[in-house]
Every structure is written in C-alpha cells, then in structure tokens.
Amino acid sequence: MIPYGRRLKFAFRTFFSILDFSRIPDDVAEAMVKKEEAAAPEEPVAAPSGPDPADRALQVLALFQREGRLVDFLMEDLAAYSDAQIGAAVRDVHAGCRRALERYLSLEPVIDDEEGRPVTVERGTDPARVKVVGNVAGTPPFTGVLRHRGWDATRVELPPLADAGRSILAPAEVEVA
C-alpha cells in the first residue's frame, strides 16, 4: 500500500500535471502499476515522534480547502460543465491555494532555469532532487532538456494542530433561517 502522505503528494502532482500537460506523471503511473503488482504487505514502520505526518498532510489539505476550496473542486463531477466554466473555477481555486502556499511554505525551484533549455546533471547529483528520464545509459554527467524545474520546500511554517477533529478538512455548514 502506498503511504498516505505519498498518495496525497501524487494526487496534487497529478492534478496540476493534468492541468498543465494533460497527462499523469510517469512516476505516479508507475507507482500505481507497482501497487497493483505488489503481493507482500509492507513492514510496519515505527511511529515518528511529534505530529503524525498524516495529520500534517490533512492540515495542508484543509488549508487548501479553506483558502481555495480545493477539495470541493476535486470532489465535483466536472462532466456537466463546459471548459470555460471549469477554467473560471480553476482561476479561483488556483488563487486561493497559491495564497495558502505562500503563507505557510516557501518554495524554490530545484533547477533554477527555464524549462525546455539544455542542462547537465553532474555525477553525484542527489536522485531525490533530479530525476533523469528518457534514454538513460551509462553514468553521469548526463545532458538533456529540462522538462520540469522541480520544487524544494525551503520553509514550512504550519499553524499548530488542533487537539481534536484532525480528519475534518472542512466542517459542514448549516444555515438556519
């Protein structure tokens, strides 16, 4: 089973990749195939000290919901809407979620260059920071075209977690007349 935090990361990356490039990222599709093929259960992992990462992941999702109504947008069946209506909704969702990102996180590109330009991946480059794809043969350095700059979270300042109700992303609202 894919860990919850990783599934949430995959969901966000897939959402924005479909919006930007009309496709599911290769590593997400590959992970989904591997998940289905996996036969052995994962070893239990010792609980880390501090807040549960799932609580923090839900907290970030709740912030995106509060600021940009992201969960409402993702849970909506878009088949009945025109592309123009979806585009208008995406602008509001984008603006709100971007505000939340800027308020609670600082992001910097992993490779600060223009996508589509040639780059060289040197020997010793951390594979968690740079993923080399395509016709990869031999050993670094590799020269290729930058397809995605990547993102590095350089600051994370989330508000304190509430003691209860951590799984509630947004409360139901009831208007009394």
N, C-alpha and C. Protein backbone atom coordinates (compact mmCIF):
# COMPACT_ATOMS: atom_id res chain seq x y z
N MET A 1 0.84 -1.19 0.00
CA MET A 1 0.00 0.00 0.00
C MET A 1 0.88 1.25 0.00
N ILE A 2 0.51 2.21 -0.79
CA ILE A 2 1.27 3.45 -0.87
C ILE A 2 0.94 4.29 0.37
N PRO A 3 1.94 4.79 1.08
CA PRO A 3 1.69 5.59 2.29
C PRO A 3 0.79 6.80 1.99
N TYR A 4 0.00 7.16 2.98
CA TYR A 4 -0.99 8.23 2.81
C TYR A 4 -0.36 9.54 2.33
N GLY A 5 0.74 9.96 2.95
CA GLY A 5 1.38 11.22 2.56
C GLY A 5 1.84 11.20 1.12
N ARG A 6 2.33 10.03 0.68
CA ARG A 6 2.78 9.91 -0.71
C ARG A 6 1.59 9.94 -1.66
N ARG A 7 0.47 9.31 -1.26
CA ARG A 7 -0.73 9.36 -2.10
C ARG A 7 -1.21 10.79 -2.26
N LEU A 8 -1.18 11.56 -1.17
CA LEU A 8 -1.61 12.95 -1.23
C LEU A 8 -0.69 13.75 -2.16
N LYS A 9 0.60 13.52 -2.06
CA LYS A 9 1.56 14.18 -2.95
C LYS A 9 1.28 13.80 -4.40
N PHE A 10 1.03 12.51 -4.65
CA PHE A 10 0.70 12.06 -6.00
C PHE A 10 -0.56 12.74 -6.51
N ALA A 11 -1.56 12.89 -5.63
CA ALA A 11 -2.83 13.50 -6.05
C ALA A 11 -2.62 14.94 -6.50
N PHE A 12 -1.86 15.71 -5.72
CA PHE A 12 -1.61 17.10 -6.09
C PHE A 12 -0.79 17.19 -7.37
N ARG A 13 0.28 16.38 -7.46
CA ARG A 13 1.13 16.43 -8.66
C ARG A 13 0.34 16.03 -9.89
N THR A 14 -0.51 14.99 -9.75
CA THR A 14 -1.31 14.53 -10.89
C THR A 14 -2.30 15.60 -11.30
N PHE A 15 -2.96 16.23 -10.34
CA PHE A 15 -3.93 17.29 -10.63
C PHE A 15 -3.29 18.40 -11.45
N PHE A 16 -2.15 18.91 -10.99
CA PHE A 16 -1.52 20.02 -11.69
C PHE A 16 -0.85 19.58 -12.99
N SER A 17 -0.38 18.34 -13.04
CA SER A 17 0.21 17.85 -14.29
C SER A 17 -0.86 17.71 -15.36
N ILE A 18 -2.04 17.25 -14.97
CA ILE A 18 -3.13 17.14 -15.94
C ILE A 18 -3.55 18.53 -16.41
N LEU A 19 -3.61 19.49 -15.49
CA LEU A 19 -3.95 20.86 -15.89
C LEU A 19 -2.90 21.45 -16.83
N ASP A 20 -1.62 21.24 -16.50
CA ASP A 20 -0.54 21.86 -17.28
C ASP A 20 -0.19 21.09 -18.54
N PHE A 21 -0.12 19.75 -18.44
CA PHE A 21 0.43 18.95 -19.53
C PHE A 21 -0.54 17.91 -20.09
N SER A 22 -1.76 17.82 -19.53
CA SER A 22 -2.79 16.86 -19.97
C SER A 22 -2.32 15.42 -19.86
N ARG A 23 -1.52 15.12 -18.83
CA ARG A 23 -1.08 13.74 -18.65
C ARG A 23 -0.73 13.48 -17.18
N ILE A 24 -0.75 12.20 -16.84
CA ILE A 24 -0.38 11.77 -15.50
C ILE A 24 1.14 11.63 -15.47
N PRO A 25 1.81 12.13 -14.42
CA PRO A 25 3.27 11.99 -14.35
C PRO A 25 3.68 10.51 -14.42
N ASP A 26 4.79 10.24 -15.10
CA ASP A 26 5.25 8.87 -15.32
C ASP A 26 5.47 8.12 -14.01
N ASP A 27 6.08 8.79 -13.03
CA ASP A 27 6.38 8.08 -11.78
C ASP A 27 5.10 7.75 -11.00
N VAL A 28 4.05 8.55 -11.14
CA VAL A 28 2.78 8.25 -10.47
C VAL A 28 2.14 7.04 -11.12
N ALA A 29 2.09 7.03 -12.45
CA ALA A 29 1.52 5.88 -13.16
C ALA A 29 2.29 4.61 -12.84
N GLU A 30 3.62 4.72 -12.79
CA GLU A 30 4.46 3.56 -12.47
C GLU A 30 4.18 3.07 -11.05
N ALA A 31 4.02 3.98 -10.11
CA ALA A 31 3.74 3.59 -8.72
C ALA A 31 2.38 2.91 -8.60
N MET A 32 1.40 3.36 -9.38
CA MET A 32 0.08 2.73 -9.35
C MET A 32 0.15 1.31 -9.89
N VAL A 33 0.93 1.10 -10.94
CA VAL A 33 1.09 -0.24 -11.51
C VAL A 33 1.80 -1.14 -10.51
N LYS A 34 2.87 -0.63 -9.90
CA LYS A 34 3.61 -1.42 -8.91
C LYS A 34 2.73 -1.77 -7.72
N LYS A 35 1.85 -0.84 -7.32
CA LYS A 35 0.95 -1.07 -6.19
C LYS A 35 0.07 -2.27 -6.47
N GLU A 36 -0.46 -2.33 -7.70
CA GLU A 36 -1.34 -3.43 -8.06
C GLU A 36 -0.58 -4.74 -8.14
N GLU A 37 0.70 -4.69 -8.50
CA GLU A 37 1.50 -5.90 -8.65
C GLU A 37 2.08 -6.38 -7.32
N ALA A 38 2.11 -5.52 -6.33
CA ALA A 38 2.73 -5.87 -5.05
C ALA A 38 1.94 -6.98 -4.37
N ALA A 39 2.64 -8.02 -3.96
CA ALA A 39 1.97 -9.14 -3.31
C ALA A 39 2.22 -9.16 -1.81
N ALA A 40 3.41 -8.77 -1.40
CA ALA A 40 3.78 -8.84 0.01
C ALA A 40 3.36 -7.57 0.73
N PRO A 41 2.81 -7.69 1.95
CA PRO A 41 2.46 -6.49 2.72
C PRO A 41 3.72 -5.77 3.18
N GLU A 42 3.60 -4.46 3.36
CA GLU A 42 4.74 -3.66 3.82
C GLU A 42 5.02 -3.94 5.29
N GLU A 43 6.28 -3.80 5.67
CA GLU A 43 6.68 -3.92 7.07
C GLU A 43 6.11 -2.75 7.85
N PRO A 44 5.63 -2.98 9.06
CA PRO A 44 5.16 -1.83 9.85
C PRO A 44 6.31 -0.88 10.16
N VAL A 45 6.02 0.39 10.14
CA VAL A 45 7.02 1.41 10.39
C VAL A 45 6.79 1.99 11.77
N ALA A 46 7.85 2.17 12.53
CA ALA A 46 7.73 2.76 13.86
C ALA A 46 7.19 4.17 13.74
N ALA A 47 6.30 4.52 14.66
CA ALA A 47 5.71 5.85 14.65
C ALA A 47 6.76 6.90 14.95
N PRO A 48 6.84 7.94 14.11
CA PRO A 48 7.81 9.01 14.39
C PRO A 48 7.37 9.84 15.58
N SER A 49 8.33 10.48 16.22
CA SER A 49 7.97 11.36 17.32
C SER A 49 7.38 12.65 16.75
N GLY A 50 6.55 13.32 17.50
CA GLY A 50 5.91 14.54 17.02
C GLY A 50 4.60 14.23 16.33
N PRO A 51 4.05 15.23 15.64
CA PRO A 51 2.75 15.03 14.99
C PRO A 51 2.81 13.94 13.93
N ASP A 52 1.73 13.22 13.80
CA ASP A 52 1.61 12.20 12.77
C ASP A 52 1.68 12.88 11.40
N PRO A 53 2.52 12.39 10.49
CA PRO A 53 2.59 13.01 9.16
C PRO A 53 1.25 13.05 8.45
N ALA A 54 0.39 12.06 8.70
CA ALA A 54 -0.94 12.08 8.08
C ALA A 54 -1.74 13.28 8.59
N ASP A 55 -1.58 13.61 9.88
CA ASP A 55 -2.27 14.78 10.42
C ASP A 55 -1.80 16.05 9.72
N ARG A 56 -0.49 16.15 9.48
CA ARG A 56 0.06 17.33 8.81
C ARG A 56 -0.40 17.38 7.35
N ALA A 57 -0.46 16.22 6.69
CA ALA A 57 -0.94 16.19 5.30
C ALA A 57 -2.39 16.65 5.24
N LEU A 58 -3.20 16.18 6.17
CA LEU A 58 -4.60 16.62 6.23
C LEU A 58 -4.69 18.10 6.55
N GLN A 59 -3.79 18.59 7.39
CA GLN A 59 -3.78 20.00 7.72
C GLN A 59 -3.52 20.85 6.48
N VAL A 60 -2.54 20.46 5.65
CA VAL A 60 -2.25 21.20 4.42
C VAL A 60 -3.45 21.14 3.49
N LEU A 61 -4.07 19.97 3.38
CA LEU A 61 -5.26 19.85 2.53
C LEU A 61 -6.39 20.73 3.07
N ALA A 62 -6.54 20.80 4.39
CA ALA A 62 -7.57 21.67 4.98
C ALA A 62 -7.27 23.14 4.69
N LEU A 63 -6.00 23.53 4.71
CA LEU A 63 -5.63 24.91 4.37
C LEU A 63 -5.97 25.21 2.91
N PHE A 64 -5.69 24.27 2.01
CA PHE A 64 -6.05 24.46 0.60
C PHE A 64 -7.57 24.52 0.43
N GLN A 65 -8.29 23.77 1.24
CA GLN A 65 -9.75 23.83 1.18
C GLN A 65 -10.25 25.18 1.68
N ARG A 66 -9.71 25.61 2.81
CA ARG A 66 -10.16 26.88 3.39
C ARG A 66 -9.86 28.06 2.48
N GLU A 67 -8.67 28.10 1.90
CA GLU A 67 -8.26 29.24 1.08
C GLU A 67 -8.74 29.16 -0.37
N GLY A 68 -8.77 27.92 -0.93
CA GLY A 68 -9.07 27.81 -2.35
C GLY A 68 -10.19 26.85 -2.70
N ARG A 69 -10.81 26.23 -1.68
CA ARG A 69 -11.88 25.27 -1.91
C ARG A 69 -11.43 24.14 -2.83
N LEU A 70 -10.18 23.70 -2.64
CA LEU A 70 -9.59 22.67 -3.50
C LEU A 70 -10.34 21.35 -3.40
N VAL A 71 -10.69 20.92 -2.20
CA VAL A 71 -11.38 19.64 -2.04
C VAL A 71 -12.74 19.69 -2.73
N ASP A 72 -13.46 20.80 -2.58
CA ASP A 72 -14.74 20.94 -3.26
C ASP A 72 -14.57 20.78 -4.77
N PHE A 73 -13.53 21.43 -5.30
CA PHE A 73 -13.26 21.36 -6.74
C PHE A 73 -12.93 19.93 -7.16
N LEU A 74 -12.05 19.25 -6.40
CA LEU A 74 -11.63 17.91 -6.77
C LEU A 74 -12.76 16.88 -6.64
N MET A 75 -13.65 17.10 -5.72
CA MET A 75 -14.75 16.15 -5.50
C MET A 75 -15.93 16.39 -6.43
N GLU A 76 -15.94 17.50 -7.13
CA GLU A 76 -17.02 17.84 -8.06
C GLU A 76 -16.89 17.02 -9.34
N ASP A 77 -18.02 16.51 -9.85
CA ASP A 77 -18.02 15.84 -11.15
C ASP A 77 -18.06 16.93 -12.21
N LEU A 78 -16.99 17.06 -12.98
CA LEU A 78 -16.86 18.15 -13.93
C LEU A 78 -17.48 17.86 -15.29
N ALA A 79 -18.00 16.66 -15.48
CA ALA A 79 -18.53 16.27 -16.79
C ALA A 79 -19.66 17.19 -17.26
N ALA A 80 -20.43 17.73 -16.35
CA ALA A 80 -21.59 18.55 -16.73
C ALA A 80 -21.22 20.00 -17.06
N TYR A 81 -19.97 20.39 -16.83
CA TYR A 81 -19.58 21.78 -17.00
C TYR A 81 -18.78 21.98 -18.30
N SER A 82 -18.88 23.16 -18.86
CA SER A 82 -18.11 23.49 -20.06
C SER A 82 -16.67 23.79 -19.66
N ASP A 83 -15.79 23.75 -20.65
CA ASP A 83 -14.39 24.08 -20.38
C ASP A 83 -14.24 25.49 -19.84
N ALA A 84 -15.06 26.42 -20.34
CA ALA A 84 -14.99 27.81 -19.86
C ALA A 84 -15.38 27.90 -18.39
N GLN A 85 -16.42 27.15 -17.98
CA GLN A 85 -16.83 27.16 -16.57
C GLN A 85 -15.74 26.55 -15.68
N ILE A 86 -15.14 25.47 -16.15
CA ILE A 86 -14.07 24.83 -15.39
C ILE A 86 -12.87 25.77 -15.28
N GLY A 87 -12.53 26.42 -16.40
CA GLY A 87 -11.41 27.36 -16.39
C GLY A 87 -11.62 28.49 -15.40
N ALA A 88 -12.85 29.02 -15.35
CA ALA A 88 -13.16 30.10 -14.40
C ALA A 88 -13.02 29.60 -12.96
N ALA A 89 -13.49 28.39 -12.71
CA ALA A 89 -13.38 27.83 -11.35
C ALA A 89 -11.92 27.59 -10.98
N VAL A 90 -11.14 27.13 -11.93
CA VAL A 90 -9.72 26.84 -11.67
C VAL A 90 -8.99 28.12 -11.28
N ARG A 91 -9.33 29.24 -11.88
CA ARG A 91 -8.67 30.50 -11.51
C ARG A 91 -8.86 30.81 -10.03
N ASP A 92 -10.08 30.65 -9.52
CA ASP A 92 -10.35 30.91 -8.11
C ASP A 92 -9.63 29.91 -7.21
N VAL A 93 -9.69 28.63 -7.58
CA VAL A 93 -9.02 27.59 -6.80
C VAL A 93 -7.51 27.86 -6.79
N HIS A 94 -6.96 28.16 -7.94
CA HIS A 94 -5.53 28.44 -8.07
C HIS A 94 -5.13 29.61 -7.19
N ALA A 95 -5.85 30.71 -7.26
CA ALA A 95 -5.51 31.90 -6.49
C ALA A 95 -5.54 31.62 -4.99
N GLY A 96 -6.57 30.93 -4.52
CA GLY A 96 -6.69 30.64 -3.10
C GLY A 96 -5.61 29.68 -2.61
N CYS A 97 -5.35 28.63 -3.37
CA CYS A 97 -4.33 27.65 -2.97
C CYS A 97 -2.94 28.28 -3.02
N ARG A 98 -2.72 29.14 -3.98
CA ARG A 98 -1.42 29.82 -4.06
C ARG A 98 -1.21 30.71 -2.84
N ARG A 99 -2.27 31.42 -2.41
CA ARG A 99 -2.17 32.24 -1.19
C ARG A 99 -1.78 31.37 0.00
N ALA A 100 -2.40 30.20 0.12
CA ALA A 100 -2.08 29.30 1.23
C ALA A 100 -0.64 28.83 1.15
N LEU A 101 -0.18 28.47 -0.04
CA LEU A 101 1.21 28.05 -0.21
C LEU A 101 2.16 29.15 0.22
N GLU A 102 1.92 30.35 -0.26
CA GLU A 102 2.82 31.47 0.04
C GLU A 102 2.81 31.84 1.52
N ARG A 103 1.68 31.62 2.17
CA ARG A 103 1.59 31.97 3.59
C ARG A 103 2.34 30.97 4.48
N TYR A 104 2.25 29.69 4.15
CA TYR A 104 2.76 28.66 5.05
C TYR A 104 4.04 27.97 4.56
N LEU A 105 4.40 28.16 3.29
CA LEU A 105 5.58 27.49 2.75
C LEU A 105 6.36 28.45 1.87
N SER A 106 7.65 28.22 1.78
CA SER A 106 8.48 28.89 0.78
C SER A 106 9.00 27.81 -0.15
N LEU A 107 8.82 28.02 -1.44
CA LEU A 107 9.25 27.05 -2.44
C LEU A 107 10.27 27.68 -3.37
N GLU A 108 11.27 26.90 -3.73
CA GLU A 108 12.27 27.33 -4.70
C GLU A 108 12.46 26.22 -5.71
N PRO A 109 12.74 26.57 -6.96
CA PRO A 109 12.98 25.52 -7.96
C PRO A 109 14.24 24.73 -7.62
N VAL A 110 14.22 23.43 -7.89
CA VAL A 110 15.40 22.60 -7.70
C VAL A 110 16.46 23.01 -8.71
N ILE A 111 16.06 23.20 -9.97
CA ILE A 111 16.95 23.72 -11.00
C ILE A 111 16.35 25.04 -11.46
N ASP A 112 17.03 26.12 -11.16
CA ASP A 112 16.51 27.45 -11.47
C ASP A 112 16.91 27.85 -12.89
N ASP A 113 16.22 27.24 -13.85
CA ASP A 113 16.45 27.52 -15.26
C ASP A 113 15.12 27.38 -15.97
N GLU A 114 15.07 27.82 -17.19
CA GLU A 114 13.85 27.79 -17.98
C GLU A 114 13.60 26.38 -18.52
N GLU A 115 12.36 25.89 -18.36
CA GLU A 115 12.02 24.58 -18.91
C GLU A 115 12.17 24.61 -20.42
N GLY A 116 12.67 23.49 -20.97
CA GLY A 116 12.91 23.41 -22.41
C GLY A 116 14.35 23.70 -22.78
N ARG A 117 15.15 24.16 -21.84
CA ARG A 117 16.56 24.51 -22.11
C ARG A 117 17.45 23.31 -21.77
N PRO A 118 18.61 23.22 -22.42
CA PRO A 118 19.54 22.12 -22.11
C PRO A 118 20.19 22.32 -20.74
N VAL A 119 20.34 21.21 -20.01
CA VAL A 119 21.01 21.22 -18.70
C VAL A 119 21.90 19.98 -18.60
N THR A 120 22.86 20.03 -17.69
CA THR A 120 23.73 18.89 -17.44
C THR A 120 23.53 18.44 -16.00
N VAL A 121 23.33 17.14 -15.82
CA VAL A 121 23.22 16.54 -14.49
C VAL A 121 24.58 15.91 -14.19
N GLU A 122 25.26 16.49 -13.22
CA GLU A 122 26.62 16.06 -12.88
C GLU A 122 26.61 14.79 -12.04
N ARG A 123 27.74 14.11 -12.02
CA ARG A 123 27.93 12.94 -11.17
C ARG A 123 27.74 13.39 -9.72
N GLY A 124 27.09 12.55 -8.92
CA GLY A 124 26.89 12.86 -7.51
C GLY A 124 25.64 13.67 -7.22
N THR A 125 24.87 14.00 -8.25
CA THR A 125 23.62 14.74 -8.03
C THR A 125 22.64 13.84 -7.28
N ASP A 126 22.03 14.37 -6.25
CA ASP A 126 21.07 13.62 -5.43
C ASP A 126 19.87 13.21 -6.29
N PRO A 127 19.60 11.90 -6.43
CA PRO A 127 18.47 11.47 -7.26
C PRO A 127 17.11 11.88 -6.70
N ALA A 128 17.05 12.26 -5.43
CA ALA A 128 15.79 12.76 -4.88
C ALA A 128 15.53 14.18 -5.39
N ARG A 129 16.57 14.89 -5.80
CA ARG A 129 16.42 16.26 -6.29
C ARG A 129 16.24 16.32 -7.81
N VAL A 130 16.89 15.41 -8.54
CA VAL A 130 16.84 15.43 -10.00
C VAL A 130 16.56 14.03 -10.50
N LYS A 131 15.49 13.88 -11.24
CA LYS A 131 15.11 12.60 -11.84
C LYS A 131 15.50 12.64 -13.31
N VAL A 132 16.36 11.72 -13.73
CA VAL A 132 16.79 11.65 -15.12
C VAL A 132 15.89 10.65 -15.82
N VAL A 133 15.22 11.08 -16.90
CA VAL A 133 14.28 10.23 -17.63
C VAL A 133 14.67 10.18 -19.10
N GLY A 134 14.06 9.25 -19.80
CA GLY A 134 14.32 9.14 -21.23
C GLY A 134 15.32 8.04 -21.52
N ASN A 135 16.16 8.24 -22.51
CA ASN A 135 17.14 7.25 -22.94
C ASN A 135 18.39 7.39 -22.07
N VAL A 136 18.33 6.86 -20.86
CA VAL A 136 19.42 6.98 -19.90
C VAL A 136 20.32 5.76 -20.01
N ALA A 137 21.57 5.98 -20.37
CA ALA A 137 22.54 4.89 -20.46
C ALA A 137 23.88 5.40 -19.96
N GLY A 138 24.61 4.52 -19.30
CA GLY A 138 25.92 4.90 -18.82
C GLY A 138 25.85 5.60 -17.47
N THR A 139 26.88 6.39 -17.21
CA THR A 139 26.98 7.09 -15.93
C THR A 139 27.03 8.60 -16.18
N PRO A 140 26.68 9.38 -15.15
CA PRO A 140 26.72 10.84 -15.30
C PRO A 140 28.11 11.32 -15.64
N PRO A 141 28.25 12.49 -16.19
CA PRO A 141 27.21 13.51 -16.39
C PRO A 141 26.29 13.17 -17.57
N PHE A 142 25.01 13.60 -17.42
CA PHE A 142 24.00 13.46 -18.45
C PHE A 142 23.62 14.85 -18.94
N THR A 143 23.46 14.99 -20.23
CA THR A 143 22.98 16.25 -20.80
C THR A 143 21.61 15.99 -21.40
N GLY A 144 20.66 16.83 -21.06
CA GLY A 144 19.30 16.67 -21.56
C GLY A 144 18.56 17.99 -21.52
N VAL A 145 17.27 17.90 -21.70
CA VAL A 145 16.39 19.06 -21.72
C VAL A 145 15.61 19.11 -20.42
N LEU A 146 15.58 20.25 -19.78
CA LEU A 146 14.84 20.42 -18.53
C LEU A 146 13.34 20.37 -18.82
N ARG A 147 12.68 19.33 -18.32
CA ARG A 147 11.23 19.18 -18.53
C ARG A 147 10.43 19.74 -17.37
N HIS A 148 10.98 19.70 -16.18
CA HIS A 148 10.31 20.28 -15.00
C HIS A 148 11.39 20.73 -14.04
N ARG A 149 11.25 21.96 -13.52
CA ARG A 149 12.27 22.53 -12.64
C ARG A 149 12.31 21.87 -11.27
N GLY A 150 11.25 21.21 -10.87
CA GLY A 150 11.18 20.63 -9.53
C GLY A 150 10.93 21.71 -8.49
N TRP A 151 10.55 21.29 -7.30
CA TRP A 151 10.29 22.25 -6.22
C TRP A 151 10.91 21.74 -4.93
N ASP A 152 11.53 22.66 -4.21
CA ASP A 152 12.14 22.38 -2.92
C ASP A 152 11.45 23.27 -1.88
N ALA A 153 10.89 22.64 -0.85
CA ALA A 153 10.26 23.42 0.23
C ALA A 153 11.37 23.89 1.16
N THR A 154 11.65 25.18 1.13
CA THR A 154 12.74 25.73 1.94
C THR A 154 12.24 26.25 3.29
N ARG A 155 10.93 26.41 3.42
CA ARG A 155 10.33 26.85 4.69
C ARG A 155 8.97 26.23 4.81
N VAL A 156 8.68 25.64 5.97
CA VAL A 156 7.35 25.12 6.28
C VAL A 156 6.99 25.64 7.65
N GLU A 157 5.97 26.49 7.71
CA GLU A 157 5.52 27.07 8.98
C GLU A 157 4.02 26.90 9.09
N LEU A 158 3.61 25.67 9.40
CA LEU A 158 2.19 25.38 9.54
C LEU A 158 1.72 25.82 10.92
N PRO A 159 0.47 26.22 11.03
CA PRO A 159 -0.05 26.57 12.35
C PRO A 159 -0.12 25.34 13.25
N PRO A 160 -0.20 25.52 14.56
CA PRO A 160 -0.30 24.36 15.46
C PRO A 160 -1.52 23.53 15.12
N LEU A 161 -1.40 22.22 15.34
CA LEU A 161 -2.52 21.32 15.09
C LEU A 161 -3.55 21.43 16.21
N ALA A 162 -4.81 21.33 15.85
CA ALA A 162 -5.87 21.28 16.85
C ALA A 162 -5.81 19.94 17.57
N ASP A 163 -6.31 19.89 18.80
CA ASP A 163 -6.27 18.65 19.57
C ASP A 163 -7.26 17.62 19.05
N ALA A 164 -8.36 18.06 18.47
CA ALA A 164 -9.39 17.13 18.03
C ALA A 164 -9.86 17.50 16.63
N GLY A 165 -10.53 16.55 15.99
CA GLY A 165 -11.13 16.82 14.69
C GLY A 165 -10.13 16.95 13.57
N ARG A 166 -8.99 16.28 13.69
CA ARG A 166 -7.95 16.44 12.68
C ARG A 166 -8.34 15.87 11.32
N SER A 167 -9.30 14.97 11.27
CA SER A 167 -9.68 14.39 9.99
C SER A 167 -10.74 15.25 9.27
N ILE A 168 -11.26 16.27 9.94
CA ILE A 168 -12.25 17.15 9.33
C ILE A 168 -11.51 18.20 8.52
N LEU A 169 -11.63 18.15 7.19
CA LEU A 169 -10.97 19.13 6.34
C LEU A 169 -11.73 20.43 6.29
N ALA A 170 -13.05 20.33 6.31
CA ALA A 170 -13.93 21.50 6.34
C ALA A 170 -15.21 21.06 7.02
N PRO A 171 -15.68 21.82 7.98
CA PRO A 171 -16.94 21.42 8.63
C PRO A 171 -18.12 21.60 7.69
N ALA A 172 -19.14 20.83 7.90
CA ALA A 172 -20.40 21.04 7.18
C ALA A 172 -20.98 22.36 7.65
N GLU A 173 -21.67 23.06 6.80
CA GLU A 173 -22.28 24.34 7.16
C GLU A 173 -23.80 24.19 7.04
N VAL A 174 -24.50 24.61 8.08
CA VAL A 174 -25.97 24.56 8.10
C VAL A 174 -26.46 25.96 8.36
N GLU A 175 -27.22 26.50 7.43
CA GLU A 175 -27.78 27.84 7.60
C GLU A 175 -29.19 27.71 8.17
N VAL A 176 -29.41 28.39 9.26
CA VAL A 176 -30.71 28.36 9.92
C VAL A 176 -31.47 29.62 9.54
N ALA A 177 -32.70 29.46 9.08
CA ALA A 177 -33.50 30.60 8.65
C ALA A 177 -34.24 31.22 9.80
